[in-house]
Amino acid sequence: MTSPASSTDIPSDPHARMPRWLPDALVTLLILGTPFVQAPVQEFTPANPAGWVLSLIPAAILPFRRKWPHTILVVLLAIFGAAAATGTLSPGAGVAVAVAMYHVASRTSRRRGFIIVAMVAPVIVLLGLLATKGSVFDPRVLQFGFIVAFGAAAGDGSRSRREYIAAIVERAQRAEETRDAEAKRRVSEERLRIARDLHDAVAHQIAVINLNAGVASSAIDTRPEKAKHALATIRTAGRAVLGEIGDLLSMLRSADEPPAIAPQASLDRLDDLVTQFRAVRMETTVHVDGDLARAGDATSRVAYRVIQESLTNAHKHGTEHRAHVLVEVGVDVLTVVVTNPVAPDGVEQKDPECAVNGSGFGLAGLRERVASVRGSIEAGPDAEGWKVTARLPVTKDTTV
């Protein structure tokens, strides 16, 4: 997080339309014109050449106030005092001090500006006494103190306005950056969701097709009936995967509301899933402990995908063509455990790190789905072979 901008770094008001030279010209005309105006107060008119010079010279010094505001303020204050010493209470020099005070207050902090004006205002009042030789409460003297205080207040207001504009610009920039980051996050989440849905739609059915194709090719000559059954299974799986891909593409191509598609599978279709694996000669046993209806919709869908992916991996990589599924619905947690025998070396996949660390697409997708419902999943070798354990919260309001 960046630190707040200092007063000198605050940008100029972008809405200011007044040309920069215009206030300089107006102040210069005021300084040069006041000595020639017939004032009702005698001290306002220069009484000697030194007074005239000291009354006019602030017009030449004041333009440097933007580069050296503090120095110019001190110099102008000294000129005002010198003119007062000659008997001239120069309004032009007083206005020049007030303008310099404005720039000092607009370039520094409020606390520092208050300290400076608290010193300058009394000083200019005391210097004015040199020309009036009267009471300190003389209005001719006090008015210069009020002018300097007004210049400081105006400068502080200008600084506050620039800080306000800078804060608005910074908030707008942060809001824009936040919107961009949120858009990127949503795009990333949508890509992951599409990848998971595509894997769910394709991986299981392709595995069924591949295994039944092997069965059909080996039995077509010796056991034609078995080959026909395998080919029928391939056709059913092919239709299913084409339908799911078609639904996914229709949803991606829809510009407005997504089309109506079949609801995602959940634990209420667990028996159908097990039947599919048994149809390809995989001995699958299921034990359910508790009421599956207690699981929330999202939890039920994630649990189904965990079982589907685990049985698919067991069918492709396991040994003995059998697996066991345990679904336990507790008070707060739904536990899914899928085990299957593996080779004697305890490796279910070619790369054991792929399953343990989740670098495979299937298990990576499962980890993402389980995390989306604030659950946990573990996969790795076990005494019974290969074991996948997922723990999901039993809630009604969790969404994927």
Protein backbone atom coordinates (compact mmCIF):
# COMPACT_ATOMS: atom_id res chain seq x y z
CA MET A 1 0.00 0.00 0.00
CA THR A 2 1.40 3.36 -1.02
CA SER A 3 1.89 6.09 1.56
CA PRO A 4 -0.32 9.17 1.38
CA ALA A 5 0.96 11.88 -0.92
CA SER A 6 2.66 14.85 0.73
CA SER A 7 1.24 18.31 0.31
CA THR A 8 3.84 19.24 -2.29
CA ASP A 9 3.01 16.13 -4.33
CA ILE A 10 -0.73 16.76 -4.43
CA PRO A 11 -1.83 17.25 -8.06
CA SER A 12 -3.38 20.48 -9.22
CA ASP A 13 -7.15 20.69 -9.37
CA PRO A 14 -8.04 19.17 -12.77
CA HIS A 15 -11.28 21.19 -12.80
CA ALA A 16 -9.53 24.54 -12.48
CA ARG A 17 -10.22 26.50 -15.66
CA MET A 18 -8.63 29.84 -14.73
CA PRO A 19 -5.40 30.51 -16.68
CA ARG A 20 -2.34 30.62 -14.46
CA TRP A 21 -1.31 34.08 -15.64
CA LEU A 22 -4.66 35.72 -14.81
CA PRO A 23 -4.33 35.85 -10.98
CA ASP A 24 -0.72 37.02 -11.35
CA ALA A 25 -1.83 39.82 -13.65
CA LEU A 26 -4.63 40.88 -11.31
CA VAL A 27 -2.37 40.93 -8.25
CA THR A 28 0.32 42.86 -10.15
CA LEU A 29 -2.20 45.48 -11.29
CA LEU A 30 -3.47 45.78 -7.70
CA ILE A 31 0.04 46.27 -6.29
CA LEU A 32 1.04 48.78 -8.97
CA GLY A 33 -2.26 50.67 -8.85
CA THR A 34 -2.79 51.20 -5.13
CA PRO A 35 -0.01 53.80 -4.70
CA PHE A 36 -1.63 55.99 -7.37
CA VAL A 37 -5.13 55.85 -5.92
CA GLN A 38 -6.12 58.82 -3.82
CA ALA A 39 -6.82 57.08 -0.51
CA PRO A 40 -8.79 58.66 2.34
CA VAL A 41 -6.03 57.54 4.72
CA GLN A 42 -2.84 59.55 4.38
CA GLU A 43 -0.51 56.69 5.31
CA PHE A 44 -1.73 54.62 2.32
CA THR A 45 -0.08 57.03 -0.14
CA PRO A 46 3.76 57.05 -0.38
CA ALA A 47 5.15 60.26 1.03
CA ASN A 48 8.71 59.99 -0.37
CA PRO A 49 10.67 58.19 -3.13
CA ALA A 50 11.68 55.36 -0.80
CA GLY A 51 8.02 54.73 -0.04
CA TRP A 52 7.20 54.64 -3.75
CA VAL A 53 9.97 52.13 -4.47
CA LEU A 54 9.01 49.90 -1.54
CA SER A 55 5.34 50.02 -2.56
CA LEU A 56 6.02 49.01 -6.17
CA ILE A 57 8.86 46.48 -5.80
CA PRO A 58 6.60 43.63 -4.45
CA ALA A 59 5.11 43.35 -7.97
CA ALA A 60 8.53 42.22 -9.25
CA ILE A 61 9.23 39.86 -6.33
CA LEU A 62 5.82 38.18 -5.95
CA PRO A 63 6.01 36.00 -9.17
CA PHE A 64 8.82 33.98 -7.51
CA ARG A 65 6.48 32.87 -4.70
CA ARG A 66 5.70 29.55 -6.39
CA LYS A 67 9.36 28.52 -6.41
CA TRP A 68 10.39 29.88 -3.00
CA PRO A 69 7.14 30.51 -1.08
CA HIS A 70 8.65 30.76 2.40
CA THR A 71 11.57 32.96 1.33
CA ILE A 72 9.36 35.32 -0.65
CA LEU A 73 6.97 35.60 2.30
CA VAL A 74 9.83 36.73 4.57
CA VAL A 75 11.18 39.16 1.94
CA LEU A 76 7.75 40.75 1.37
CA LEU A 77 7.18 41.03 5.10
CA ALA A 78 10.51 42.85 5.39
CA ILE A 79 9.54 45.20 2.51
CA PHE A 80 6.24 45.97 4.22
CA GLY A 81 8.14 46.79 7.42
CA ALA A 82 10.64 48.97 5.57
CA ALA A 83 7.83 50.91 3.88
CA ALA A 84 6.14 51.35 7.25
CA ALA A 85 9.42 52.71 8.65
CA THR A 86 9.32 55.42 5.97
CA GLY A 87 5.79 56.35 7.01
CA THR A 88 3.96 54.46 4.24
CA LEU A 89 1.34 51.88 5.12
CA SER A 90 1.46 50.23 1.66
CA PRO A 91 -1.74 48.33 0.79
CA GLY A 92 0.04 46.76 -2.20
CA ALA A 93 2.80 45.32 -0.02
CA GLY A 94 0.17 44.05 2.44
CA VAL A 95 -1.74 42.31 -0.37
CA ALA A 96 1.54 40.81 -1.61
CA VAL A 97 2.22 39.39 1.87
CA ALA A 98 -1.31 37.91 1.95
CA VAL A 99 -0.83 36.30 -1.49
CA ALA A 100 2.52 34.86 -0.41
CA MET A 101 0.85 33.58 2.76
CA TYR A 102 -1.78 31.89 0.57
CA HIS A 103 0.90 29.94 -1.32
CA VAL A 104 2.73 28.97 1.84
CA ALA A 105 -0.49 27.62 3.42
CA SER A 106 -1.41 25.77 0.22
CA ARG A 107 2.01 24.05 0.06
CA THR A 108 2.33 22.89 3.65
CA SER A 109 0.36 20.99 6.28
CA ARG A 110 -2.49 22.61 8.19
CA ARG A 111 -0.61 22.52 11.48
CA ARG A 112 2.50 24.13 10.02
CA GLY A 113 0.45 26.72 8.13
CA PHE A 114 -1.37 27.67 11.33
CA ILE A 115 1.95 28.15 13.11
CA ILE A 116 3.29 30.35 10.31
CA VAL A 117 0.22 32.59 10.07
CA ALA A 118 0.15 32.86 13.88
CA MET A 119 3.62 34.43 13.63
CA VAL A 120 3.16 36.50 10.46
CA ALA A 121 -0.17 38.16 11.34
CA PRO A 122 1.03 39.72 14.62
CA VAL A 123 4.31 40.75 12.99
CA ILE A 124 2.58 42.63 10.16
CA VAL A 125 0.31 44.34 12.69
CA LEU A 126 3.31 45.46 14.77
CA LEU A 127 5.15 46.64 11.66
CA GLY A 128 2.10 48.67 10.67
CA LEU A 129 2.39 50.57 13.95
CA LEU A 130 5.60 52.10 12.62
CA ALA A 131 3.57 54.04 10.05
CA THR A 132 0.48 54.86 12.09
CA LYS A 133 2.16 55.65 15.39
CA GLY A 134 -1.18 54.92 16.99
CA SER A 135 -2.98 52.27 18.98
CA VAL A 136 -2.46 48.63 18.18
CA PHE A 137 -6.23 48.39 17.81
CA ASP A 138 -6.23 50.96 15.02
CA PRO A 139 -8.36 49.50 12.17
CA ARG A 140 -5.73 50.66 9.67
CA VAL A 141 -3.28 48.24 11.32
CA LEU A 142 -5.58 45.35 12.13
CA GLN A 143 -6.90 45.09 8.57
CA PHE A 144 -3.52 43.86 7.34
CA GLY A 145 -3.55 41.12 9.96
CA PHE A 146 -7.03 40.09 8.81
CA ILE A 147 -5.93 40.06 5.16
CA VAL A 148 -2.97 37.80 5.95
CA ALA A 149 -5.21 35.47 8.00
CA PHE A 150 -7.71 35.36 5.13
CA GLY A 151 -4.89 34.47 2.69
CA ALA A 152 -3.80 31.64 4.97
CA ALA A 153 -7.38 30.33 5.25
CA ALA A 154 -7.82 30.44 1.47
CA GLY A 155 -4.52 28.62 0.96
CA ASP A 156 -5.51 25.94 3.46
CA GLY A 157 -8.83 25.52 1.66
CA SER A 158 -7.04 25.15 -1.67
CA ARG A 159 -4.72 22.53 -0.21
CA SER A 160 -7.66 20.64 1.30
CA ARG A 161 -9.46 20.68 -2.03
CA ARG A 162 -6.42 19.27 -3.85
CA GLU A 163 -6.08 16.56 -1.21
CA TYR A 164 -9.76 15.73 -1.61
CA ILE A 165 -9.44 15.50 -5.39
CA ALA A 166 -6.30 13.37 -5.05
CA ALA A 167 -8.14 11.04 -2.65
CA ILE A 168 -11.05 10.71 -5.08
CA VAL A 169 -8.68 9.93 -7.96
CA GLU A 170 -6.84 7.35 -5.83
CA ARG A 171 -10.08 5.69 -4.78
CA ALA A 172 -11.23 5.58 -8.40
CA GLN A 173 -7.94 4.00 -9.46
CA ARG A 174 -8.15 1.43 -6.67
CA ALA A 175 -11.75 0.67 -7.59
CA GLU A 176 -10.70 0.16 -11.22
CA GLU A 177 -7.85 -2.12 -10.16
CA THR A 178 -10.21 -4.04 -7.88
CA ARG A 179 -12.70 -4.48 -10.72
CA ASP A 180 -9.94 -5.77 -13.01
CA ALA A 181 -8.68 -8.18 -10.37
CA GLU A 182 -12.23 -9.38 -9.67
CA ALA A 183 -12.86 -9.89 -13.39
CA LYS A 184 -9.64 -11.90 -13.74
CA ARG A 185 -10.55 -13.97 -10.69
CA ARG A 186 -13.98 -14.74 -12.07
CA VAL A 187 -12.53 -15.67 -15.46
CA SER A 188 -10.05 -18.00 -13.75
CA GLU A 189 -12.78 -19.61 -11.66
CA GLU A 190 -14.98 -20.04 -14.73
CA ARG A 191 -12.14 -21.70 -16.64
CA LEU A 192 -11.57 -24.12 -13.76
CA ARG A 193 -15.28 -24.87 -13.55
CA ILE A 194 -15.48 -25.55 -17.29
CA ALA A 195 -12.40 -27.78 -17.08
CA ARG A 196 -13.96 -29.75 -14.22
CA ASP A 197 -17.30 -30.10 -16.02
CA LEU A 198 -15.55 -31.19 -19.22
CA HIS A 199 -13.52 -33.76 -17.32
CA ASP A 200 -16.63 -35.06 -15.58
CA ALA A 201 -18.47 -35.28 -18.89
CA VAL A 202 -15.71 -37.05 -20.79
CA ALA A 203 -13.28 -38.92 -18.56
CA HIS A 204 -15.63 -41.50 -17.05
CA GLN A 205 -17.48 -42.34 -20.26
CA ILE A 206 -14.27 -42.51 -22.30
CA ALA A 207 -12.84 -44.95 -19.74
CA VAL A 208 -15.97 -47.10 -20.10
CA ILE A 209 -15.72 -46.96 -23.88
CA ASN A 210 -12.04 -47.87 -23.83
CA LEU A 211 -12.48 -50.85 -21.51
CA ASN A 212 -15.49 -52.22 -23.38
CA ALA A 213 -13.68 -51.80 -26.68
CA GLY A 214 -10.95 -54.09 -25.32
CA VAL A 215 -13.55 -56.60 -24.16
CA ALA A 216 -15.31 -56.54 -27.55
CA SER A 217 -12.10 -56.98 -29.55
CA SER A 218 -11.00 -59.99 -27.48
CA ALA A 219 -14.41 -61.72 -27.43
CA ILE A 220 -15.75 -61.00 -30.92
CA ASP A 221 -14.68 -64.39 -32.27
CA THR A 222 -15.05 -66.68 -29.28
CA ARG A 223 -17.95 -65.07 -27.40
CA PRO A 224 -20.04 -62.96 -29.82
CA GLU A 225 -22.79 -62.32 -27.27
CA LYS A 226 -20.31 -60.80 -24.86
CA ALA A 227 -18.87 -58.66 -27.66
CA LYS A 228 -22.36 -57.45 -28.58
CA HIS A 229 -23.03 -56.49 -24.97
CA ALA A 230 -19.74 -54.57 -24.81
CA LEU A 231 -20.56 -52.75 -28.05
CA ALA A 232 -23.99 -51.83 -26.71
CA THR A 233 -22.33 -50.40 -23.62
CA ILE A 234 -19.94 -48.43 -25.84
CA ARG A 235 -22.87 -46.99 -27.80
CA THR A 236 -24.70 -46.00 -24.61
CA ALA A 237 -21.58 -44.38 -23.16
CA GLY A 238 -20.92 -42.59 -26.46
CA ARG A 239 -24.42 -41.15 -26.52
CA ALA A 240 -24.08 -40.05 -22.91
CA VAL A 241 -20.78 -38.26 -23.45
CA LEU A 242 -22.01 -36.58 -26.65
CA GLY A 243 -25.13 -35.38 -24.82
CA GLU A 244 -23.12 -33.98 -21.92
CA ILE A 245 -20.64 -32.25 -24.24
CA GLY A 246 -23.55 -30.84 -26.24
CA ASP A 247 -25.13 -29.43 -23.07
CA LEU A 248 -21.81 -27.88 -22.06
CA LEU A 249 -21.28 -26.29 -25.48
CA SER A 250 -24.85 -24.94 -25.52
CA MET A 251 -24.23 -23.31 -22.16
CA LEU A 252 -20.93 -21.77 -23.34
CA ARG A 253 -22.45 -20.44 -26.57
CA SER A 254 -25.50 -18.94 -24.89
CA ALA A 255 -25.17 -15.13 -24.79
CA ASP A 256 -28.11 -14.57 -22.44
CA GLU A 257 -29.68 -17.05 -20.08
CA PRO A 258 -28.07 -20.50 -20.18
CA PRO A 259 -30.26 -23.18 -21.77
CA ALA A 260 -32.06 -25.70 -19.64
CA ILE A 261 -29.80 -28.71 -19.14
CA ALA A 262 -30.12 -31.86 -17.12
CA PRO A 263 -29.32 -31.41 -13.42
CA GLN A 264 -25.89 -32.53 -12.27
CA ALA A 265 -25.62 -36.01 -10.83
CA SER A 266 -25.65 -36.37 -7.06
CA LEU A 267 -25.82 -39.16 -4.50
CA ASP A 268 -29.42 -39.98 -5.46
CA ARG A 269 -27.91 -41.52 -8.64
CA LEU A 270 -25.30 -43.55 -6.79
CA ASP A 271 -27.02 -46.83 -7.61
CA ASP A 272 -26.97 -46.01 -11.35
CA LEU A 273 -23.26 -45.21 -11.13
CA VAL A 274 -22.48 -48.50 -9.40
CA THR A 275 -24.58 -50.37 -11.99
CA GLN A 276 -22.46 -48.89 -14.79
CA PHE A 277 -19.27 -50.21 -13.24
CA ARG A 278 -20.78 -53.60 -12.52
CA ALA A 279 -21.82 -53.78 -16.17
CA VAL A 280 -18.14 -53.67 -17.16
CA ARG A 281 -17.37 -56.55 -14.81
CA MET A 282 -16.05 -54.46 -11.94
CA GLU A 283 -17.13 -55.84 -8.58
CA THR A 284 -18.33 -52.80 -6.66
CA THR A 285 -19.75 -52.92 -3.14
CA VAL A 286 -21.42 -49.96 -1.48
CA HIS A 287 -22.19 -49.36 2.19
CA VAL A 288 -24.23 -46.32 3.21
CA ASP A 289 -24.45 -45.34 6.86
CA GLY A 290 -26.95 -42.55 7.50
CA ASP A 291 -29.58 -40.64 5.52
CA LEU A 292 -28.19 -39.31 2.23
CA ALA A 293 -31.03 -36.80 2.02
CA ARG A 294 -29.45 -34.86 4.89
CA ALA A 295 -26.59 -33.79 2.64
CA GLY A 296 -26.90 -30.42 0.92
CA ASP A 297 -27.20 -30.28 -2.85
CA ALA A 298 -23.63 -29.08 -3.43
CA THR A 299 -22.19 -31.59 -0.96
CA SER A 300 -24.17 -34.40 -2.59
CA ARG A 301 -22.90 -33.47 -6.05
CA VAL A 302 -19.28 -33.26 -4.89
CA ALA A 303 -19.55 -36.62 -3.09
CA TYR A 304 -20.92 -38.19 -6.27
CA ARG A 305 -18.01 -36.85 -8.31
CA VAL A 306 -15.51 -38.14 -5.75
CA ILE A 307 -16.98 -41.64 -6.00
CA GLN A 308 -17.19 -41.49 -9.80
CA GLU A 309 -13.57 -40.37 -10.23
CA SER A 310 -12.28 -42.86 -7.65
CA LEU A 311 -14.10 -45.80 -9.26
CA THR A 312 -12.92 -44.74 -12.71
CA ASN A 313 -9.31 -44.67 -11.52
CA ALA A 314 -9.79 -48.02 -9.76
CA HIS A 315 -11.18 -49.50 -12.97
CA LYS A 316 -8.32 -48.16 -15.10
CA HIS A 317 -5.38 -48.66 -12.76
CA GLY A 318 -6.46 -51.07 -10.01
CA THR A 319 -6.13 -54.85 -9.84
CA GLU A 320 -8.70 -57.60 -9.30
CA HIS A 321 -11.44 -55.39 -10.78
CA ARG A 322 -13.12 -54.62 -7.50
CA ALA A 323 -13.66 -51.65 -5.21
CA HIS A 324 -15.50 -50.77 -2.04
CA VAL A 325 -17.42 -47.55 -1.40
CA LEU A 326 -18.34 -46.32 2.08
CA VAL A 327 -20.61 -43.30 2.54
CA GLU A 328 -21.12 -42.22 6.13
CA VAL A 329 -23.45 -39.33 6.96
CA GLY A 330 -22.58 -37.94 10.37
CA VAL A 331 -23.99 -35.02 12.33
CA ASP A 332 -21.83 -32.39 10.64
CA VAL A 333 -19.61 -34.32 8.20
CA LEU A 334 -20.29 -36.60 5.25
CA THR A 335 -17.39 -39.02 4.76
CA VAL A 336 -16.72 -40.83 1.49
CA VAL A 337 -14.12 -43.63 1.45
CA VAL A 338 -13.28 -45.55 -1.74
CA THR A 339 -10.73 -48.39 -1.60
CA ASN A 340 -9.47 -50.81 -4.23
CA PRO A 341 -6.61 -53.31 -4.54
CA VAL A 342 -3.47 -52.23 -6.34
CA ALA A 343 -0.28 -53.86 -7.55
CA PRO A 344 2.04 -55.36 -4.91
CA ASP A 345 4.27 -52.28 -5.04
CA GLY A 346 1.33 -50.21 -3.81
CA VAL A 347 1.27 -47.94 -6.85
CA GLU A 348 -2.08 -47.35 -8.49
CA GLN A 349 -0.87 -44.92 -11.14
CA LYS A 350 2.30 -44.77 -13.17
CA ASP A 351 3.42 -41.79 -11.16
CA PRO A 352 2.45 -42.11 -7.48
CA GLU A 353 3.16 -38.42 -6.88
CA CYS A 354 0.41 -37.61 -9.37
CA ALA A 355 -2.21 -39.07 -7.06
CA VAL A 356 -0.71 -38.11 -3.74
CA ASN A 357 -0.05 -34.47 -4.64
CA GLY A 358 -3.02 -34.02 -6.94
CA SER A 359 -1.08 -33.06 -10.07
CA GLY A 360 -3.35 -35.28 -12.19
CA PHE A 361 -6.32 -33.50 -13.75
CA GLY A 362 -8.89 -35.83 -12.19
CA LEU A 363 -7.66 -35.58 -8.62
CA ALA A 364 -6.82 -31.90 -9.07
CA GLY A 365 -10.42 -31.30 -10.10
CA LEU A 366 -11.63 -33.28 -7.09
CA ARG A 367 -9.50 -31.20 -4.74
CA GLU A 368 -10.97 -28.03 -6.22
CA ARG A 369 -14.53 -29.31 -5.93
CA VAL A 370 -13.99 -30.49 -2.36
CA ALA A 371 -12.40 -27.14 -1.44
CA SER A 372 -15.39 -25.30 -2.93
CA VAL A 373 -17.62 -26.80 -0.20
CA ARG A 374 -14.94 -26.31 2.49
CA GLY A 375 -14.09 -30.00 2.70
CA SER A 376 -10.87 -32.04 2.59
CA ILE A 377 -9.65 -35.01 0.55
CA GLU A 378 -6.77 -37.47 0.87
CA ALA A 379 -5.55 -40.04 -1.66
CA GLY A 380 -2.72 -42.53 -1.36
CA PRO A 381 -1.65 -46.11 -0.68
CA ASP A 382 -3.23 -47.93 2.24
CA ALA A 383 -3.12 -51.33 3.89
CA GLU A 384 -6.18 -52.30 1.83
CA GLY A 385 -4.64 -51.03 -1.42
CA TRP A 386 -5.45 -47.56 -2.71
CA LYS A 387 -7.66 -45.31 -0.59
CA VAL A 388 -9.46 -42.04 -1.31
CA THR A 389 -11.05 -40.30 1.68
CA ALA A 390 -13.15 -37.14 1.37
CA ARG A 391 -14.77 -35.29 4.27
CA LEU A 392 -17.51 -32.86 3.31
CA PRO A 393 -19.69 -30.62 5.50
CA VAL A 394 -23.34 -31.65 5.82
CA THR A 395 -25.07 -28.35 4.97
CA LYS A 396 -28.11 -27.25 3.05
CA ASP A 397 -26.85 -23.88 1.83
CA THR A 398 -23.42 -24.70 0.39
CA THR A 399 -23.00 -23.97 -3.31
CA VAL A 400 -20.32 -25.02 -5.77
